[in-house]
Amino acid sequence: MTATQREMSALWCEILQTDGPVDSTANFFALGGDSLAMTMLLFRVQEVFGIDLPAAALIEAPELGTFSALVDSARLAADPAVASGTL
């Protein structure tokens, strides 16, 4: 798992109140995520990663690995220093 996937797994466990880590193929909605949980997750993503994502991002990419890749792409678009590892 990437660093983003590990952090996202922890966030999903926190918000969805699941035990143990969530793997990269886990689906947010299959784990019990609903619109309130989605709102909470997007708020936490903004806090932790410093990016704002629309709800459509999670709806279109509900798997942890795919959503984490979207987070990485959004971080890179917002701050190219992320790619260089200077953060």
PDB file of N, CA and C in Angstrom:
ATOM      1  N   MET A   1       0.836  -1.189   0.000  1.00  0.00           N
ATOM      2  CA  MET A   1       0.000   0.000   0.000  1.00  0.00           C
ATOM      3  C   MET A   1       0.882   1.255   0.000  1.00  0.00           C
ATOM      4  N   THR A   2       0.396   2.270  -0.684  1.00  0.00           N
ATOM      5  CA  THR A   2       1.102   3.543  -0.685  1.00  0.00           C
ATOM      6  C   THR A   2       0.836   4.268   0.633  1.00  0.00           C
ATOM      7  N   ALA A   3       1.595   5.314   0.878  1.00  0.00           N
ATOM      8  CA  ALA A   3       1.388   6.111   2.093  1.00  0.00           C
ATOM      9  C   ALA A   3      -0.023   6.708   2.105  1.00  0.00           C
ATOM     10  N   THR A   4      -0.484   7.160   0.959  1.00  0.00           N
ATOM     11  CA  THR A   4      -1.835   7.725   0.875  1.00  0.00           C
ATOM     12  C   THR A   4      -2.874   6.652   1.157  1.00  0.00           C
ATOM     13  N   GLN A   5      -2.680   5.456   0.616  1.00  0.00           N
ATOM     14  CA  GLN A   5      -3.624   4.370   0.872  1.00  0.00           C
ATOM     15  C   GLN A   5      -3.658   4.003   2.347  1.00  0.00           C
ATOM     16  N   ARG A   6      -2.500   3.996   3.004  1.00  0.00           N
ATOM     17  CA  ARG A   6      -2.475   3.679   4.442  1.00  0.00           C
ATOM     18  C   ARG A   6      -3.215   4.742   5.240  1.00  0.00           C
ATOM     19  N   GLU A   7      -2.987   6.000   4.915  1.00  0.00           N
ATOM     20  CA  GLU A   7      -3.676   7.090   5.611  1.00  0.00           C
ATOM     21  C   GLU A   7      -5.172   7.037   5.331  1.00  0.00           C
ATOM     22  N   MET A   8      -5.532   6.770   4.081  1.00  0.00           N
ATOM     23  CA  MET A   8      -6.944   6.694   3.715  1.00  0.00           C
ATOM     24  C   MET A   8      -7.611   5.511   4.408  1.00  0.00           C
ATOM     25  N   SER A   9      -6.908   4.399   4.510  1.00  0.00           N
ATOM     26  CA  SER A   9      -7.431   3.240   5.224  1.00  0.00           C
ATOM     27  C   SER A   9      -7.754   3.606   6.670  1.00  0.00           C
ATOM     28  N   ALA A  10      -6.861   4.344   7.303  1.00  0.00           N
ATOM     29  CA  ALA A  10      -7.089   4.769   8.688  1.00  0.00           C
ATOM     30  C   ALA A  10      -8.302   5.694   8.775  1.00  0.00           C
ATOM     31  N   LEU A  11      -8.439   6.600   7.818  1.00  0.00           N
ATOM     32  CA  LEU A  11      -9.601   7.499   7.814  1.00  0.00           C
ATOM     33  C   LEU A  11     -10.896   6.729   7.617  1.00  0.00           C
ATOM     34  N   TRP A  12     -10.879   5.777   6.696  1.00  0.00           N
ATOM     35  CA  TRP A  12     -12.089   4.980   6.465  1.00  0.00           C
ATOM     36  C   TRP A  12     -12.459   4.197   7.719  1.00  0.00           C
ATOM     37  N   CYS A  13     -11.473   3.612   8.374  1.00  0.00           N
ATOM     38  CA  CYS A  13     -11.745   2.852   9.605  1.00  0.00           C
ATOM     39  C   CYS A  13     -12.329   3.768  10.680  1.00  0.00           C
ATOM     40  N   GLU A  14     -11.783   4.961  10.787  1.00  0.00           N
ATOM     41  CA  GLU A  14     -12.272   5.935  11.768  1.00  0.00           C
ATOM     42  C   GLU A  14     -13.723   6.323  11.485  1.00  0.00           C
ATOM     43  N   ILE A  15     -14.006   6.677  10.253  1.00  0.00           N
ATOM     44  CA  ILE A  15     -15.331   7.178   9.888  1.00  0.00           C
ATOM     45  C   ILE A  15     -16.371   6.069   9.829  1.00  0.00           C
ATOM     46  N   LEU A  16     -15.983   4.921   9.288  1.00  0.00           N
ATOM     47  CA  LEU A  16     -16.926   3.810   9.142  1.00  0.00           C
ATOM     48  C   LEU A  16     -16.955   2.898  10.364  1.00  0.00           C
ATOM     49  N   GLN A  17     -16.078   3.186  11.317  1.00  0.00           N
ATOM     50  CA  GLN A  17     -15.981   2.422  12.559  1.00  0.00           C
ATOM     51  C   GLN A  17     -15.804   0.931  12.289  1.00  0.00           C
ATOM     52  N   THR A  18     -14.806   0.642  11.446  1.00  0.00           N
ATOM     53  CA  THR A  18     -14.475  -0.748  11.139  1.00  0.00           C
ATOM     54  C   THR A  18     -13.216  -1.148  11.886  1.00  0.00           C
ATOM     55  N   ASP A  19     -13.026  -2.431  12.052  1.00  0.00           N
ATOM     56  CA  ASP A  19     -11.834  -2.945  12.718  1.00  0.00           C
ATOM     57  C   ASP A  19     -10.743  -3.194  11.692  1.00  0.00           C
ATOM     58  N   GLY A  20      -9.527  -2.917  12.087  1.00  0.00           N
ATOM     59  CA  GLY A  20      -8.372  -3.257  11.261  1.00  0.00           C
ATOM     60  C   GLY A  20      -8.270  -2.443  10.001  1.00  0.00           C
ATOM     61  N   PRO A  21      -7.167  -2.595   9.296  1.00  0.00           N
ATOM     62  CA  PRO A  21      -6.968  -1.835   8.068  1.00  0.00           C
ATOM     63  C   PRO A  21      -7.904  -2.296   6.957  1.00  0.00           C
ATOM     64  N   VAL A  22      -8.187  -1.378   6.058  1.00  0.00           N
ATOM     65  CA  VAL A  22      -9.027  -1.643   4.896  1.00  0.00           C
ATOM     66  C   VAL A  22      -8.085  -1.814   3.712  1.00  0.00           C
ATOM     67  N   ASP A  23      -8.284  -2.838   2.894  1.00  0.00           N
ATOM     68  CA  ASP A  23      -7.366  -3.041   1.773  1.00  0.00           C
ATOM     69  C   ASP A  23      -7.742  -2.172   0.577  1.00  0.00           C
ATOM     70  N   SER A  24      -6.876  -2.153  -0.404  1.00  0.00           N
ATOM     71  CA  SER A  24      -7.021  -1.225  -1.524  1.00  0.00           C
ATOM     72  C   SER A  24      -8.223  -1.523  -2.419  1.00  0.00           C
ATOM     73  N   THR A  25      -8.798  -2.708  -2.328  1.00  0.00           N
ATOM     74  CA  THR A  25      -9.960  -3.036  -3.158  1.00  0.00           C
ATOM     75  C   THR A  25     -11.281  -2.801  -2.436  1.00  0.00           C
ATOM     76  N   ALA A  26     -11.231  -2.387  -1.171  1.00  0.00           N
ATOM     77  CA  ALA A  26     -12.449  -2.176  -0.390  1.00  0.00           C
ATOM     78  C   ALA A  26     -13.274  -1.040  -0.992  1.00  0.00           C
ATOM     79  N   ASN A  27     -14.584  -1.204  -0.945  1.00  0.00           N
ATOM     80  CA  ASN A  27     -15.520  -0.222  -1.474  1.00  0.00           C
ATOM     81  C   ASN A  27     -16.139   0.539  -0.305  1.00  0.00           C
ATOM     82  N   PHE A  28     -16.034   1.861  -0.329  1.00  0.00           N
ATOM     83  CA  PHE A  28     -16.525   2.708   0.758  1.00  0.00           C
ATOM     84  C   PHE A  28     -17.990   2.434   1.074  1.00  0.00           C
ATOM     85  N   PHE A  29     -18.812   2.308   0.060  1.00  0.00           N
ATOM     86  CA  PHE A  29     -20.241   2.135   0.267  1.00  0.00           C
ATOM     87  C   PHE A  29     -20.584   0.710   0.698  1.00  0.00           C
ATOM     88  N   ALA A  30     -19.843  -0.262   0.218  1.00  0.00           N
ATOM     89  CA  ALA A  30     -20.063  -1.646   0.640  1.00  0.00           C
ATOM     90  C   ALA A  30     -19.700  -1.831   2.111  1.00  0.00           C
ATOM     91  N   LEU A  31     -18.792  -0.990   2.611  1.00  0.00           N
ATOM     92  CA  LEU A  31     -18.408  -1.061   4.025  1.00  0.00           C
ATOM     93  C   LEU A  31     -19.386  -0.314   4.930  1.00  0.00           C
ATOM     94  N   GLY A  32     -20.433   0.238   4.339  1.00  0.00           N
ATOM     95  CA  GLY A  32     -21.448   0.927   5.136  1.00  0.00           C
ATOM     96  C   GLY A  32     -21.454   2.431   4.976  1.00  0.00           C
ATOM     97  N   GLY A  33     -20.635   2.957   4.090  1.00  0.00           N
ATOM     98  CA  GLY A  33     -20.596   4.394   3.874  1.00  0.00           C
ATOM     99  C   GLY A  33     -21.903   4.907   3.295  1.00  0.00           C
ATOM    100  N   ASP A  34     -22.348   6.044   3.806  1.00  0.00           N
ATOM    101  CA  ASP A  34     -23.548   6.695   3.305  1.00  0.00           C
ATOM    102  C   ASP A  34     -23.218   8.159   3.049  1.00  0.00           C
ATOM    103  N   SER A  35     -24.227   8.976   2.775  1.00  0.00           N
ATOM    104  CA  SER A  35     -23.955  10.371   2.431  1.00  0.00           C
ATOM    105  C   SER A  35     -23.330  11.142   3.596  1.00  0.00           C
ATOM    106  N   LEU A  36     -23.725  10.855   4.814  1.00  0.00           N
ATOM    107  CA  LEU A  36     -23.127  11.530   5.967  1.00  0.00           C
ATOM    108  C   LEU A  36     -21.658  11.124   6.123  1.00  0.00           C
ATOM    109  N   ALA A  37     -21.390   9.827   6.017  1.00  0.00           N
ATOM    110  CA  ALA A  37     -20.009   9.339   6.113  1.00  0.00           C
ATOM    111  C   ALA A  37     -19.160   9.910   4.985  1.00  0.00           C
ATOM    112  N   MET A  38     -19.742  10.033   3.801  1.00  0.00           N
ATOM    113  CA  MET A  38     -19.017  10.592   2.666  1.00  0.00           C
ATOM    114  C   MET A  38     -18.645  12.046   2.955  1.00  0.00           C
ATOM    115  N   THR A  39     -19.575  12.806   3.493  1.00  0.00           N
ATOM    116  CA  THR A  39     -19.305  14.201   3.843  1.00  0.00           C
ATOM    117  C   THR A  39     -18.205  14.289   4.888  1.00  0.00           C
ATOM    118  N   MET A  40     -18.260  13.426   5.878  1.00  0.00           N
ATOM    119  CA  MET A  40     -17.231  13.402   6.915  1.00  0.00           C
ATOM    120  C   MET A  40     -15.865  13.065   6.313  1.00  0.00           C
ATOM    121  N   LEU A  41     -15.830  12.078   5.419  1.00  0.00           N
ATOM    122  CA  LEU A  41     -14.567  11.689   4.788  1.00  0.00           C
ATOM    123  C   LEU A  41     -13.982  12.836   3.970  1.00  0.00           C
ATOM    124  N   LEU A  42     -14.798  13.489   3.179  1.00  0.00           N
ATOM    125  CA  LEU A  42     -14.307  14.576   2.344  1.00  0.00           C
ATOM    126  C   LEU A  42     -13.787  15.735   3.204  1.00  0.00           C
ATOM    127  N   PHE A  43     -14.418  15.970   4.343  1.00  0.00           N
ATOM    128  CA  PHE A  43     -13.936  16.981   5.279  1.00  0.00           C
ATOM    129  C   PHE A  43     -12.576  16.584   5.840  1.00  0.00           C
ATOM    130  N   ARG A  44     -12.426  15.313   6.229  1.00  0.00           N
ATOM    131  CA  ARG A  44     -11.158  14.827   6.777  1.00  0.00           C
ATOM    132  C   ARG A  44     -10.056  14.830   5.714  1.00  0.00           C
ATOM    133  N   VAL A  45     -10.410  14.513   4.469  1.00  0.00           N
ATOM    134  CA  VAL A  45      -9.435  14.563   3.377  1.00  0.00           C
ATOM    135  C   VAL A  45      -8.914  15.995   3.236  1.00  0.00           C
ATOM    136  N   GLN A  46      -9.815  16.959   3.353  1.00  0.00           N
ATOM    137  CA  GLN A  46      -9.395  18.362   3.276  1.00  0.00           C
ATOM    138  C   GLN A  46      -8.460  18.705   4.434  1.00  0.00           C
ATOM    139  N   GLU A  47      -8.776  18.233   5.625  1.00  0.00           N
ATOM    140  CA  GLU A  47      -7.922  18.494   6.791  1.00  0.00           C
ATOM    141  C   GLU A  47      -6.548  17.839   6.664  1.00  0.00           C
ATOM    142  N   VAL A  48      -6.541  16.577   6.300  1.00  0.00           N
ATOM    143  CA  VAL A  48      -5.302  15.794   6.286  1.00  0.00           C
ATOM    144  C   VAL A  48      -4.438  16.085   5.062  1.00  0.00           C
ATOM    145  N   PHE A  49      -5.062  16.169   3.899  1.00  0.00           N
ATOM    146  CA  PHE A  49      -4.304  16.295   2.660  1.00  0.00           C
ATOM    147  C   PHE A  49      -4.314  17.708   2.076  1.00  0.00           C
ATOM    148  N   GLY A  50      -5.169  18.581   2.609  1.00  0.00           N
ATOM    149  CA  GLY A  50      -5.208  19.963   2.147  1.00  0.00           C
ATOM    150  C   GLY A  50      -5.832  20.164   0.785  1.00  0.00           C
ATOM    151  N   ILE A  51      -6.729  19.255   0.389  1.00  0.00           N
ATOM    152  CA  ILE A  51      -7.397  19.388  -0.908  1.00  0.00           C
ATOM    153  C   ILE A  51      -8.904  19.248  -0.727  1.00  0.00           C
ATOM    154  N   ASP A  52      -9.644  19.916  -1.602  1.00  0.00           N
ATOM    155  CA  ASP A  52     -11.099  19.798  -1.618  1.00  0.00           C
ATOM    156  C   ASP A  52     -11.494  18.925  -2.792  1.00  0.00           C
ATOM    157  N   LEU A  53     -12.224  17.867  -2.496  1.00  0.00           N
ATOM    158  CA  LEU A  53     -12.733  16.999  -3.555  1.00  0.00           C
ATOM    159  C   LEU A  53     -14.251  17.033  -3.528  1.00  0.00           C
ATOM    160  N   PRO A  54     -14.882  16.988  -4.689  1.00  0.00           N
ATOM    161  CA  PRO A  54     -16.343  16.932  -4.723  1.00  0.00           C
ATOM    162  C   PRO A  54     -16.829  15.536  -4.333  1.00  0.00           C
ATOM    163  N   ALA A  55     -18.081  15.459  -3.919  1.00  0.00           N
ATOM    164  CA  ALA A  55     -18.668  14.165  -3.567  1.00  0.00           C
ATOM    165  C   ALA A  55     -18.604  13.194  -4.742  1.00  0.00           C
ATOM    166  N   ALA A  56     -18.691  13.723  -5.941  1.00  0.00           N
ATOM    167  CA  ALA A  56     -18.645  12.871  -7.133  1.00  0.00           C
ATOM    168  C   ALA A  56     -17.355  12.063  -7.202  1.00  0.00           C
ATOM    169  N   ALA A  57     -16.272  12.581  -6.634  1.00  0.00           N
ATOM    170  CA  ALA A  57     -14.995  11.858  -6.671  1.00  0.00           C
ATOM    171  C   ALA A  57     -15.119  10.509  -5.980  1.00  0.00           C
ATOM    172  N   LEU A  58     -15.744  10.485  -4.821  1.00  0.00           N
ATOM    173  CA  LEU A  58     -15.903   9.224  -4.084  1.00  0.00           C
ATOM    174  C   LEU A  58     -16.969   8.339  -4.729  1.00  0.00           C
ATOM    175  N   ILE A  59     -18.002   8.954  -5.266  1.00  0.00           N
ATOM    176  CA  ILE A  59     -19.056   8.183  -5.929  1.00  0.00           C
ATOM    177  C   ILE A  59     -18.489   7.475  -7.163  1.00  0.00           C
ATOM    178  N   GLU A  60     -17.644   8.170  -7.912  1.00  0.00           N
ATOM    179  CA  GLU A  60     -17.078   7.601  -9.131  1.00  0.00           C
ATOM    180  C   GLU A  60     -15.898   6.669  -8.865  1.00  0.00           C
ATOM    181  N   ALA A  61     -15.256   6.808  -7.713  1.00  0.00           N
ATOM    182  CA  ALA A  61     -14.100   5.977  -7.363  1.00  0.00           C
ATOM    183  C   ALA A  61     -14.240   5.513  -5.914  1.00  0.00           C
ATOM    184  N   PRO A  62     -15.178   4.599  -5.651  1.00  0.00           N
ATOM    185  CA  PRO A  62     -15.449   4.207  -4.269  1.00  0.00           C
ATOM    186  C   PRO A  62     -14.443   3.222  -3.666  1.00  0.00           C
ATOM    187  N   GLU A  63     -13.531   2.662  -4.488  1.00  0.00           N
ATOM    188  CA  GLU A  63     -12.541   1.736  -3.957  1.00  0.00           C
ATOM    189  C   GLU A  63     -11.384   2.529  -3.348  1.00  0.00           C
ATOM    190  N   LEU A  64     -10.851   2.048  -2.259  1.00  0.00           N
ATOM    191  CA  LEU A  64      -9.799   2.751  -1.543  1.00  0.00           C
ATOM    192  C   LEU A  64      -8.607   3.067  -2.437  1.00  0.00           C
ATOM    193  N   GLY A  65      -8.150   2.118  -3.219  1.00  0.00           N
ATOM    194  CA  GLY A  65      -6.990   2.338  -4.076  1.00  0.00           C
ATOM    195  C   GLY A  65      -7.241   3.397  -5.128  1.00  0.00           C
ATOM    196  N   THR A  66      -8.394   3.345  -5.763  1.00  0.00           N
ATOM    197  CA  THR A  66      -8.736   4.305  -6.807  1.00  0.00           C
ATOM    198  C   THR A  66      -8.947   5.691  -6.226  1.00  0.00           C
ATOM    199  N   PHE A  67      -9.650   5.766  -5.099  1.00  0.00           N
ATOM    200  CA  PHE A  67      -9.880   7.062  -4.457  1.00  0.00           C
ATOM    201  C   PHE A  67      -8.560   7.668  -3.982  1.00  0.00           C
ATOM    202  N   SER A  68      -7.683   6.836  -3.446  1.00  0.00           N
ATOM    203  CA  SER A  68      -6.374   7.323  -3.001  1.00  0.00           C
ATOM    204  C   SER A  68      -5.574   7.885  -4.163  1.00  0.00           C
ATOM    205  N   ALA A  69      -5.687   7.262  -5.329  1.00  0.00           N
ATOM    206  CA  ALA A  69      -5.003   7.770  -6.518  1.00  0.00           C
ATOM    207  C   ALA A  69      -5.557   9.136  -6.914  1.00  0.00           C
ATOM    208  N   LEU A  70      -6.870   9.328  -6.762  1.00  0.00           N
ATOM    209  CA  LEU A  70      -7.461  10.636  -7.037  1.00  0.00           C
ATOM    210  C   LEU A  70      -6.931  11.690  -6.067  1.00  0.00           C
ATOM    211  N   VAL A  71      -6.792  11.301  -4.816  1.00  0.00           N
ATOM    212  CA  VAL A  71      -6.246  12.213  -3.809  1.00  0.00           C
ATOM    213  C   VAL A  71      -4.822  12.601  -4.197  1.00  0.00           C
ATOM    214  N   ASP A  72      -4.018  11.626  -4.570  1.00  0.00           N
ATOM    215  CA  ASP A  72      -2.640  11.926  -4.982  1.00  0.00           C
ATOM    216  C   ASP A  72      -2.608  12.848  -6.196  1.00  0.00           C
ATOM    217  N   SER A  73      -3.475  12.606  -7.164  1.00  0.00           N
ATOM    218  CA  SER A  73      -3.527  13.452  -8.361  1.00  0.00           C
ATOM    219  C   SER A  73      -3.942  14.873  -8.006  1.00  0.00           C
ATOM    220  N   ALA A  74      -4.919  15.017  -7.131  1.00  0.00           N
ATOM    221  CA  ALA A  74      -5.378  16.342  -6.720  1.00  0.00           C
ATOM    222  C   ALA A  74      -4.298  17.070  -5.931  1.00  0.00           C
ATOM    223  N   ARG A  75      -3.567  16.350  -5.097  1.00  0.00           N
ATOM    224  CA  ARG A  75      -2.469  16.967  -4.347  1.00  0.00           C
ATOM    225  C   ARG A  75      -1.376  17.449  -5.300  1.00  0.00           C
ATOM    226  N   LEU A  76      -1.060  16.644  -6.280  1.00  0.00           N
ATOM    227  CA  LEU A  76      -0.045  17.018  -7.258  1.00  0.00           C
ATOM    228  C   LEU A  76      -0.475  18.243  -8.062  1.00  0.00           C
ATOM    229  N   ALA A  77      -1.744  18.276  -8.455  1.00  0.00           N
ATOM    230  CA  ALA A  77      -2.254  19.421  -9.210  1.00  0.00           C
ATOM    231  C   ALA A  77      -2.233  20.689  -8.357  1.00  0.00           C
ATOM    232  N   ALA A  78      -2.510  20.548  -7.070  1.00  0.00           N
ATOM    233  CA  ALA A  78      -2.535  21.707  -6.178  1.00  0.00           C
ATOM    234  C   ALA A  78      -1.144  22.186  -5.809  1.00  0.00           C
ATOM    235  N   ASP A  79      -0.190  21.253  -5.739  1.00  0.00           N
ATOM    236  CA  ASP A  79       1.167  21.606  -5.305  1.00  0.00           C
ATOM    237  C   ASP A  79       2.175  20.664  -5.951  1.00  0.00           C
ATOM    238  N   PRO A  80       2.806  21.059  -7.025  1.00  0.00           N
ATOM    239  CA  PRO A  80       3.774  20.193  -7.700  1.00  0.00           C
ATOM    240  C   PRO A  80       4.940  19.742  -6.812  1.00  0.00           C
ATOM    241  N   ALA A  81       5.187  20.411  -5.705  1.00  0.00           N
ATOM    242  CA  ALA A  81       6.251  19.999  -4.792  1.00  0.00           C
ATOM    243  C   ALA A  81       5.969  18.622  -4.196  1.00  0.00           C
ATOM    244  N   VAL A  82       4.709  18.201  -4.216  1.00  0.00           N
ATOM    245  CA  VAL A  82       4.352  16.870  -3.710  1.00  0.00           C
ATOM    246  C   VAL A  82       5.092  15.806  -4.501  1.00  0.00           C
ATOM    247  N   ALA A  83       5.182  15.963  -5.812  1.00  0.00           N
ATOM    248  CA  ALA A  83       5.837  14.984  -6.662  1.00  0.00           C
ATOM    249  C   ALA A  83       7.349  14.952  -6.413  1.00  0.00           C
ATOM    250  N   SER A  84       7.918  16.097  -6.083  1.00  0.00           N
ATOM    251  CA  SER A  84       9.356  16.143  -5.889  1.00  0.00           C
ATOM    252  C   SER A  84       9.771  15.651  -4.519  1.00  0.00           C
ATOM    253  N   GLY A  85       8.784  15.435  -3.641  1.00  0.00           N
ATOM    254  CA  GLY A  85       9.087  14.941  -2.312  1.00  0.00           C
ATOM    255  C   GLY A  85       9.650  15.999  -1.370  1.00  0.00           C
ATOM    256  N   THR A  86       9.437  17.264  -1.703  1.00  0.00           N
ATOM    257  CA  THR A  86       9.960  18.323  -0.844  1.00  0.00           C
ATOM    258  C   THR A  86       9.007  18.683   0.279  1.00  0.00           C
ATOM    259  N   LEU A  87       7.872  18.040   0.335  1.00  0.00           N
ATOM    260  CA  LEU A  87       6.931  18.303   1.429  1.00  0.00           C
ATOM    261  C   LEU A  87       7.155  17.386   2.577  1.00  0.00           C
TER     262      LEU A  87
END
